[in-house]
Amino acid sequence: MIDRIIKDSSLRPNLFVWRGGLPLSEIEKWESKQLVSVPDDVKDLWSTKGGGDLFESETILQPSGSDEDDLVLPRSEWFWGKGLDSDCYVFHEGLYVSTFRRADDLLRSLNSSNFSEVGTFRTLDDWYLSLRAEYGDRYGLPPLRGGS
């Protein structure tokens, strides 16, 4: 599910700068070339909004585009060179580094200096809520009620 991040970006578009949705065929071609299965929620976000910048310092990477600093593979390769497990693909940088792995559909947030685990998430909404907990009040997002 990507409902919460989509709702917040509609509510406060000034906090979210999206790069534009990517064709699903392009995402699937990238998956095939990398021999990786991208979690469905991440694919949904990429095909709906693409990557982008949110809050003050958070970047969601994407598989293709013009700026190499915003692409999954070059940033993942950079982190692999720093010791990140090469089965992990980085899809987010900022407060921490967020990844998905070849082996499972779980999203993981890691400390960017030593790659210790900060959190594990089953959905992109769950992952986003960890960022929202940090930035929501600061940027005036409404409090969540009943887990929505």
N, C-alpha and C. Protein backbone atom coordinates (compact mmCIF):
# COMPACT_ATOMS: atom_id res chain seq x y z
N MET A 1 0.83 -1.18 0.00
CA MET A 1 0.00 0.00 0.00
C MET A 1 0.88 1.25 0.00
N ILE A 2 0.41 2.24 -0.74
CA ILE A 2 1.11 3.53 -0.77
C ILE A 2 0.14 4.66 -0.42
N ASP A 3 -0.96 4.31 0.21
CA ASP A 3 -2.03 5.27 0.47
C ASP A 3 -1.58 6.48 1.28
N ARG A 4 -0.86 6.25 2.37
CA ARG A 4 -0.52 7.34 3.29
C ARG A 4 0.41 8.36 2.63
N ILE A 5 1.41 7.90 1.93
CA ILE A 5 2.34 8.83 1.29
C ILE A 5 1.64 9.61 0.19
N ILE A 6 0.72 8.98 -0.53
CA ILE A 6 -0.05 9.66 -1.58
C ILE A 6 -0.98 10.70 -0.95
N LYS A 7 -1.66 10.33 0.15
CA LYS A 7 -2.54 11.29 0.84
C LYS A 7 -1.75 12.50 1.32
N ASP A 8 -0.61 12.26 1.97
CA ASP A 8 0.18 13.36 2.49
C ASP A 8 0.72 14.25 1.38
N SER A 9 1.12 13.64 0.25
CA SER A 9 1.65 14.46 -0.84
C SER A 9 0.55 15.29 -1.50
N SER A 10 -0.69 14.81 -1.44
CA SER A 10 -1.81 15.60 -1.94
C SER A 10 -2.16 16.72 -0.97
N LEU A 11 -2.10 16.40 0.31
CA LEU A 11 -2.43 17.37 1.35
C LEU A 11 -1.40 18.49 1.44
N ARG A 12 -0.12 18.14 1.29
CA ARG A 12 0.97 19.12 1.40
C ARG A 12 1.94 18.96 0.24
N PRO A 13 1.52 19.32 -0.98
CA PRO A 13 2.37 19.11 -2.16
C PRO A 13 3.70 19.84 -2.10
N ASN A 14 3.80 20.89 -1.30
CA ASN A 14 5.06 21.62 -1.16
C ASN A 14 6.13 20.79 -0.45
N LEU A 15 5.76 19.72 0.21
CA LEU A 15 6.72 18.86 0.92
C LEU A 15 7.22 17.70 0.08
N PHE A 16 6.62 17.52 -1.10
CA PHE A 16 6.93 16.37 -1.95
C PHE A 16 7.21 16.85 -3.37
N VAL A 17 8.38 16.54 -3.87
CA VAL A 17 8.74 16.87 -5.25
C VAL A 17 8.95 15.56 -5.98
N TRP A 18 7.96 15.16 -6.75
CA TRP A 18 8.00 13.88 -7.47
C TRP A 18 8.63 14.07 -8.85
N ARG A 19 9.29 13.03 -9.34
CA ARG A 19 9.93 13.09 -10.66
C ARG A 19 9.03 12.60 -11.80
N GLY A 20 7.89 12.07 -11.46
CA GLY A 20 6.95 11.59 -12.48
C GLY A 20 6.97 10.08 -12.59
N GLY A 21 5.81 9.51 -12.73
CA GLY A 21 5.66 8.07 -12.79
C GLY A 21 6.44 7.45 -13.95
N LEU A 22 6.90 6.24 -13.73
CA LEU A 22 7.62 5.48 -14.75
C LEU A 22 6.71 4.39 -15.30
N PRO A 23 6.83 4.09 -16.59
CA PRO A 23 6.03 2.99 -17.14
C PRO A 23 6.39 1.68 -16.43
N LEU A 24 5.37 0.90 -16.10
CA LEU A 24 5.59 -0.38 -15.43
C LEU A 24 6.52 -1.27 -16.24
N SER A 25 6.42 -1.21 -17.57
CA SER A 25 7.29 -2.03 -18.42
C SER A 25 8.77 -1.66 -18.22
N GLU A 26 9.05 -0.39 -17.98
CA GLU A 26 10.42 0.06 -17.73
C GLU A 26 10.94 -0.48 -16.39
N ILE A 27 10.07 -0.46 -15.39
CA ILE A 27 10.43 -0.99 -14.07
C ILE A 27 10.69 -2.50 -14.17
N GLU A 28 9.82 -3.21 -14.86
CA GLU A 28 9.96 -4.66 -15.01
C GLU A 28 11.21 -5.02 -15.81
N LYS A 29 11.54 -4.23 -16.81
CA LYS A 29 12.77 -4.44 -17.57
C LYS A 29 13.99 -4.28 -16.66
N TRP A 30 13.97 -3.26 -15.82
CA TRP A 30 15.06 -3.03 -14.87
C TRP A 30 15.18 -4.22 -13.90
N GLU A 31 14.03 -4.69 -13.38
CA GLU A 31 14.02 -5.85 -12.48
C GLU A 31 14.68 -7.05 -13.13
N SER A 32 14.30 -7.32 -14.36
CA SER A 32 14.81 -8.46 -15.10
C SER A 32 16.32 -8.35 -15.31
N LYS A 33 16.76 -7.16 -15.66
CA LYS A 33 18.19 -6.94 -15.89
C LYS A 33 18.99 -7.10 -14.60
N GLN A 34 18.43 -6.67 -13.46
CA GLN A 34 19.12 -6.75 -12.17
C GLN A 34 18.92 -8.11 -11.48
N LEU A 35 18.04 -8.93 -12.03
CA LEU A 35 17.69 -10.22 -11.41
C LEU A 35 17.19 -10.02 -9.98
N VAL A 36 16.30 -9.05 -9.83
CA VAL A 36 15.75 -8.73 -8.53
C VAL A 36 14.24 -8.56 -8.67
N SER A 37 13.53 -8.85 -7.60
CA SER A 37 12.09 -8.63 -7.56
C SER A 37 11.83 -7.43 -6.65
N VAL A 38 11.37 -6.35 -7.23
CA VAL A 38 11.07 -5.14 -6.47
C VAL A 38 9.74 -5.35 -5.75
N PRO A 39 9.65 -5.04 -4.46
CA PRO A 39 8.37 -5.17 -3.76
C PRO A 39 7.27 -4.39 -4.48
N ASP A 40 6.07 -4.97 -4.51
CA ASP A 40 4.95 -4.38 -5.25
C ASP A 40 4.68 -2.94 -4.84
N ASP A 41 4.76 -2.62 -3.55
CA ASP A 41 4.50 -1.26 -3.09
C ASP A 41 5.48 -0.26 -3.68
N VAL A 42 6.74 -0.66 -3.76
CA VAL A 42 7.76 0.23 -4.33
C VAL A 42 7.49 0.42 -5.82
N LYS A 43 7.14 -0.67 -6.51
CA LYS A 43 6.77 -0.56 -7.93
C LYS A 43 5.57 0.36 -8.11
N ASP A 44 4.58 0.23 -7.23
CA ASP A 44 3.41 1.09 -7.32
C ASP A 44 3.79 2.56 -7.18
N LEU A 45 4.66 2.86 -6.23
CA LEU A 45 5.07 4.26 -6.06
C LEU A 45 5.85 4.74 -7.28
N TRP A 46 6.78 3.94 -7.76
CA TRP A 46 7.56 4.32 -8.94
C TRP A 46 6.67 4.54 -10.15
N SER A 47 5.67 3.68 -10.34
CA SER A 47 4.82 3.83 -11.52
C SER A 47 3.80 4.96 -11.37
N THR A 48 3.47 5.31 -10.14
CA THR A 48 2.53 6.39 -9.89
C THR A 48 3.20 7.75 -9.82
N LYS A 49 4.28 7.84 -9.05
CA LYS A 49 4.93 9.13 -8.78
C LYS A 49 6.40 9.18 -9.20
N GLY A 50 7.03 8.03 -9.38
CA GLY A 50 8.48 8.00 -9.61
C GLY A 50 9.19 8.21 -8.29
N GLY A 51 10.45 8.50 -8.36
CA GLY A 51 11.19 8.87 -7.17
C GLY A 51 10.92 10.32 -6.86
N GLY A 52 11.61 10.82 -5.84
CA GLY A 52 11.42 12.23 -5.52
C GLY A 52 12.06 12.61 -4.20
N ASP A 53 11.86 13.85 -3.87
CA ASP A 53 12.39 14.40 -2.62
C ASP A 53 11.23 14.77 -1.72
N LEU A 54 11.37 14.48 -0.42
CA LEU A 54 10.33 14.81 0.52
C LEU A 54 10.92 15.32 1.82
N PHE A 55 10.12 16.10 2.50
CA PHE A 55 10.53 16.75 3.73
C PHE A 55 11.82 17.53 3.47
N GLU A 56 12.73 17.54 4.37
CA GLU A 56 13.89 18.41 4.18
C GLU A 56 15.10 17.71 3.59
N SER A 57 15.16 16.40 3.73
CA SER A 57 16.41 15.75 3.34
C SER A 57 16.24 14.31 2.87
N GLU A 58 15.05 13.96 2.46
CA GLU A 58 14.77 12.57 2.12
C GLU A 58 14.63 12.42 0.60
N THR A 59 15.24 11.39 0.06
CA THR A 59 15.17 11.14 -1.38
C THR A 59 14.74 9.70 -1.62
N ILE A 60 13.70 9.54 -2.43
CA ILE A 60 13.30 8.21 -2.89
C ILE A 60 13.93 8.03 -4.26
N LEU A 61 14.76 7.02 -4.37
CA LEU A 61 15.45 6.72 -5.62
C LEU A 61 14.52 5.97 -6.57
N GLN A 62 14.89 5.92 -7.83
CA GLN A 62 14.10 5.19 -8.82
C GLN A 62 15.05 4.42 -9.74
N PRO A 63 14.53 3.46 -10.51
CA PRO A 63 15.42 2.61 -11.31
C PRO A 63 16.00 3.29 -12.54
N SER A 64 15.32 4.29 -13.09
CA SER A 64 15.82 4.94 -14.30
C SER A 64 15.49 6.41 -14.26
N GLY A 65 16.22 7.16 -15.06
CA GLY A 65 16.04 8.61 -15.12
C GLY A 65 17.34 9.26 -15.53
N SER A 66 17.37 10.56 -15.46
CA SER A 66 18.53 11.28 -16.00
C SER A 66 19.62 11.57 -14.96
N ASP A 67 19.28 11.67 -13.70
CA ASP A 67 20.26 12.04 -12.69
C ASP A 67 20.75 10.80 -11.94
N GLU A 68 22.00 10.43 -12.18
CA GLU A 68 22.56 9.21 -11.59
C GLU A 68 22.51 9.22 -10.06
N ASP A 69 22.55 10.41 -9.44
CA ASP A 69 22.50 10.49 -7.98
C ASP A 69 21.14 10.08 -7.43
N ASP A 70 20.13 9.98 -8.29
CA ASP A 70 18.79 9.61 -7.86
C ASP A 70 18.37 8.22 -8.32
N LEU A 71 19.35 7.41 -8.77
CA LEU A 71 19.04 6.09 -9.30
C LEU A 71 19.44 4.98 -8.33
N VAL A 72 18.63 3.95 -8.29
CA VAL A 72 18.83 2.83 -7.37
C VAL A 72 20.18 2.16 -7.58
N LEU A 73 20.51 1.78 -8.80
CA LEU A 73 21.73 0.98 -9.00
C LEU A 73 23.02 1.74 -8.67
N PRO A 74 23.24 2.95 -9.19
CA PRO A 74 24.49 3.64 -8.83
C PRO A 74 24.63 3.91 -7.33
N ARG A 75 23.53 4.28 -6.67
CA ARG A 75 23.60 4.53 -5.23
C ARG A 75 23.81 3.23 -4.47
N SER A 76 23.16 2.15 -4.92
CA SER A 76 23.37 0.85 -4.28
C SER A 76 24.82 0.41 -4.43
N GLU A 77 25.36 0.57 -5.63
CA GLU A 77 26.77 0.19 -5.86
C GLU A 77 27.70 0.99 -4.96
N TRP A 78 27.41 2.25 -4.76
CA TRP A 78 28.23 3.08 -3.87
C TRP A 78 28.18 2.52 -2.45
N PHE A 79 26.98 2.17 -1.98
CA PHE A 79 26.84 1.61 -0.63
C PHE A 79 27.45 0.21 -0.55
N TRP A 80 27.36 -0.58 -1.62
CA TRP A 80 28.01 -1.89 -1.60
C TRP A 80 29.51 -1.72 -1.38
N GLY A 81 30.08 -0.71 -2.01
CA GLY A 81 31.50 -0.41 -1.84
C GLY A 81 31.85 -0.01 -0.42
N LYS A 82 30.86 0.44 0.34
CA LYS A 82 31.05 0.83 1.75
C LYS A 82 30.75 -0.33 2.70
N GLY A 83 30.34 -1.49 2.15
CA GLY A 83 30.11 -2.65 2.99
C GLY A 83 28.67 -3.13 3.08
N LEU A 84 27.74 -2.47 2.41
CA LEU A 84 26.36 -2.94 2.41
C LEU A 84 26.29 -4.27 1.66
N ASP A 85 25.50 -5.20 2.18
CA ASP A 85 25.27 -6.50 1.53
C ASP A 85 24.81 -6.25 0.09
N SER A 86 25.46 -6.91 -0.85
CA SER A 86 25.16 -6.67 -2.27
C SER A 86 23.81 -7.25 -2.70
N ASP A 87 23.11 -7.93 -1.81
CA ASP A 87 21.74 -8.36 -2.09
C ASP A 87 20.73 -7.26 -1.77
N CYS A 88 21.21 -6.17 -1.18
CA CYS A 88 20.35 -5.05 -0.81
C CYS A 88 20.41 -3.95 -1.85
N TYR A 89 19.24 -3.50 -2.28
CA TYR A 89 19.14 -2.38 -3.22
C TYR A 89 18.57 -1.18 -2.47
N VAL A 90 19.27 -0.07 -2.54
CA VAL A 90 18.86 1.14 -1.84
C VAL A 90 17.77 1.84 -2.65
N PHE A 91 16.63 2.12 -2.01
CA PHE A 91 15.57 2.88 -2.68
C PHE A 91 15.32 4.22 -2.00
N HIS A 92 15.98 4.47 -0.87
CA HIS A 92 15.78 5.73 -0.14
C HIS A 92 17.05 6.10 0.61
N GLU A 93 17.34 7.41 0.60
CA GLU A 93 18.43 7.96 1.40
C GLU A 93 17.95 9.18 2.13
N GLY A 94 18.45 9.35 3.34
CA GLY A 94 18.10 10.52 4.13
C GLY A 94 18.37 10.25 5.59
N LEU A 95 17.32 10.26 6.38
CA LEU A 95 17.42 9.99 7.81
C LEU A 95 18.17 8.68 8.06
N TYR A 96 17.94 7.74 7.19
CA TYR A 96 18.63 6.46 7.15
C TYR A 96 18.64 5.99 5.71
N VAL A 97 19.18 4.81 5.47
CA VAL A 97 19.20 4.21 4.13
C VAL A 97 18.17 3.09 4.13
N SER A 98 17.29 3.09 3.15
CA SER A 98 16.25 2.06 3.09
C SER A 98 16.48 1.17 1.88
N THR A 99 16.27 -0.13 2.09
CA THR A 99 16.60 -1.11 1.06
C THR A 99 15.49 -2.15 0.90
N PHE A 100 15.55 -2.84 -0.23
CA PHE A 100 14.84 -4.10 -0.40
C PHE A 100 15.91 -5.09 -0.84
N ARG A 101 15.66 -6.38 -0.58
CA ARG A 101 16.65 -7.41 -0.89
C ARG A 101 16.14 -8.35 -1.96
N ARG A 102 17.08 -9.01 -2.61
CA ARG A 102 16.71 -10.04 -3.59
C ARG A 102 15.89 -11.15 -2.95
N ALA A 103 16.20 -11.49 -1.70
CA ALA A 103 15.67 -12.69 -1.06
C ALA A 103 14.24 -12.56 -0.54
N ASP A 104 13.76 -11.35 -0.29
CA ASP A 104 12.43 -11.22 0.31
C ASP A 104 11.80 -9.89 -0.07
N ASP A 105 10.55 -9.72 0.33
CA ASP A 105 9.82 -8.49 0.02
C ASP A 105 9.86 -7.47 1.15
N LEU A 106 10.66 -7.71 2.17
CA LEU A 106 10.71 -6.79 3.30
C LEU A 106 11.52 -5.55 2.95
N LEU A 107 11.06 -4.43 3.46
CA LEU A 107 11.80 -3.19 3.36
C LEU A 107 12.56 -3.01 4.66
N ARG A 108 13.80 -2.58 4.55
CA ARG A 108 14.62 -2.38 5.74
C ARG A 108 15.21 -0.99 5.74
N SER A 109 15.21 -0.39 6.91
CA SER A 109 15.90 0.88 7.10
C SER A 109 17.14 0.61 7.92
N LEU A 110 18.26 1.15 7.44
CA LEU A 110 19.56 0.86 8.04
C LEU A 110 20.28 2.15 8.39
N ASN A 111 21.08 2.08 9.43
CA ASN A 111 21.98 3.18 9.76
C ASN A 111 22.97 3.31 8.61
N SER A 112 23.16 4.50 8.08
CA SER A 112 24.00 4.66 6.89
C SER A 112 25.49 4.54 7.18
N SER A 113 25.89 4.61 8.44
CA SER A 113 27.32 4.51 8.73
C SER A 113 27.78 3.08 9.01
N ASN A 114 26.92 2.26 9.64
CA ASN A 114 27.36 0.89 9.95
C ASN A 114 26.38 -0.18 9.47
N PHE A 115 25.30 0.24 8.82
CA PHE A 115 24.28 -0.65 8.24
C PHE A 115 23.55 -1.50 9.28
N SER A 116 23.57 -1.07 10.54
CA SER A 116 22.75 -1.76 11.54
C SER A 116 21.28 -1.46 11.24
N GLU A 117 20.43 -2.42 11.56
CA GLU A 117 19.02 -2.30 11.22
C GLU A 117 18.32 -1.31 12.14
N VAL A 118 17.59 -0.38 11.54
CA VAL A 118 16.78 0.59 12.26
C VAL A 118 15.33 0.10 12.33
N GLY A 119 14.87 -0.54 11.25
CA GLY A 119 13.51 -1.04 11.22
C GLY A 119 13.28 -1.95 10.03
N THR A 120 12.27 -2.81 10.13
CA THR A 120 11.85 -3.70 9.06
C THR A 120 10.37 -3.48 8.83
N PHE A 121 9.96 -3.43 7.56
CA PHE A 121 8.58 -3.07 7.23
C PHE A 121 8.04 -3.99 6.15
N ARG A 122 6.77 -4.33 6.28
CA ARG A 122 6.11 -5.20 5.29
C ARG A 122 5.50 -4.40 4.15
N THR A 123 5.15 -3.13 4.40
CA THR A 123 4.55 -2.31 3.35
C THR A 123 5.27 -0.97 3.27
N LEU A 124 5.12 -0.31 2.15
CA LEU A 124 5.71 1.02 1.98
C LEU A 124 5.02 2.01 2.92
N ASP A 125 3.73 1.85 3.16
CA ASP A 125 3.06 2.72 4.12
C ASP A 125 3.68 2.59 5.50
N ASP A 126 3.94 1.37 5.95
CA ASP A 126 4.59 1.17 7.25
C ASP A 126 5.95 1.85 7.28
N TRP A 127 6.71 1.70 6.19
CA TRP A 127 8.02 2.35 6.09
C TRP A 127 7.86 3.87 6.16
N TYR A 128 6.92 4.41 5.38
CA TYR A 128 6.72 5.85 5.34
C TYR A 128 6.32 6.39 6.71
N LEU A 129 5.54 5.65 7.47
CA LEU A 129 5.12 6.12 8.79
C LEU A 129 6.32 6.35 9.71
N SER A 130 7.42 5.62 9.50
CA SER A 130 8.62 5.87 10.31
C SER A 130 9.23 7.23 9.97
N LEU A 131 9.18 7.63 8.70
CA LEU A 131 9.63 8.98 8.32
C LEU A 131 8.64 10.03 8.82
N ARG A 132 7.38 9.73 8.66
CA ARG A 132 6.34 10.68 9.07
C ARG A 132 6.42 10.96 10.56
N ALA A 133 6.77 9.94 11.35
CA ALA A 133 6.92 10.14 12.79
C ALA A 133 8.00 11.17 13.09
N GLU A 134 9.03 11.20 12.27
CA GLU A 134 10.12 12.16 12.45
C GLU A 134 9.73 13.56 11.96
N TYR A 135 9.05 13.65 10.84
CA TYR A 135 8.83 14.93 10.18
C TYR A 135 7.40 15.48 10.24
N GLY A 136 6.43 14.64 10.54
CA GLY A 136 5.03 15.04 10.45
C GLY A 136 4.68 16.28 11.26
N ASP A 137 5.01 16.29 12.53
CA ASP A 137 4.70 17.45 13.37
C ASP A 137 5.44 18.69 12.90
N ARG A 138 6.70 18.51 12.57
CA ARG A 138 7.54 19.63 12.13
C ARG A 138 6.94 20.34 10.92
N TYR A 139 6.32 19.57 10.02
CA TYR A 139 5.79 20.14 8.80
C TYR A 139 4.27 20.28 8.80
N GLY A 140 3.66 20.12 9.97
CA GLY A 140 2.24 20.37 10.09
C GLY A 140 1.33 19.36 9.44
N LEU A 141 1.79 18.12 9.29
CA LEU A 141 0.87 17.08 8.81
C LEU A 141 -0.10 16.73 9.94
N PRO A 142 -1.34 16.46 9.61
CA PRO A 142 -2.32 16.18 10.66
C PRO A 142 -1.99 14.88 11.39
N PRO A 143 -2.31 14.82 12.67
CA PRO A 143 -2.08 13.56 13.42
C PRO A 143 -2.88 12.43 12.79
N LEU A 144 -2.33 11.23 12.89
CA LEU A 144 -3.03 10.06 12.38
C LEU A 144 -3.96 9.52 13.45
N ARG A 145 -5.12 9.08 13.01
CA ARG A 145 -6.10 8.49 13.94
C ARG A 145 -6.38 7.07 13.51
N GLY A 146 -6.40 6.16 14.45
CA GLY A 146 -6.78 4.79 14.15
C GLY A 146 -5.89 4.09 13.15
N GLY A 147 -4.58 4.47 13.10
CA GLY A 147 -3.64 3.80 12.23
C GLY A 147 -3.76 4.17 10.77
N SER A 148 -4.52 5.23 10.45
CA SER A 148 -4.67 5.59 9.03
C SER A 148 -3.68 6.64 8.60
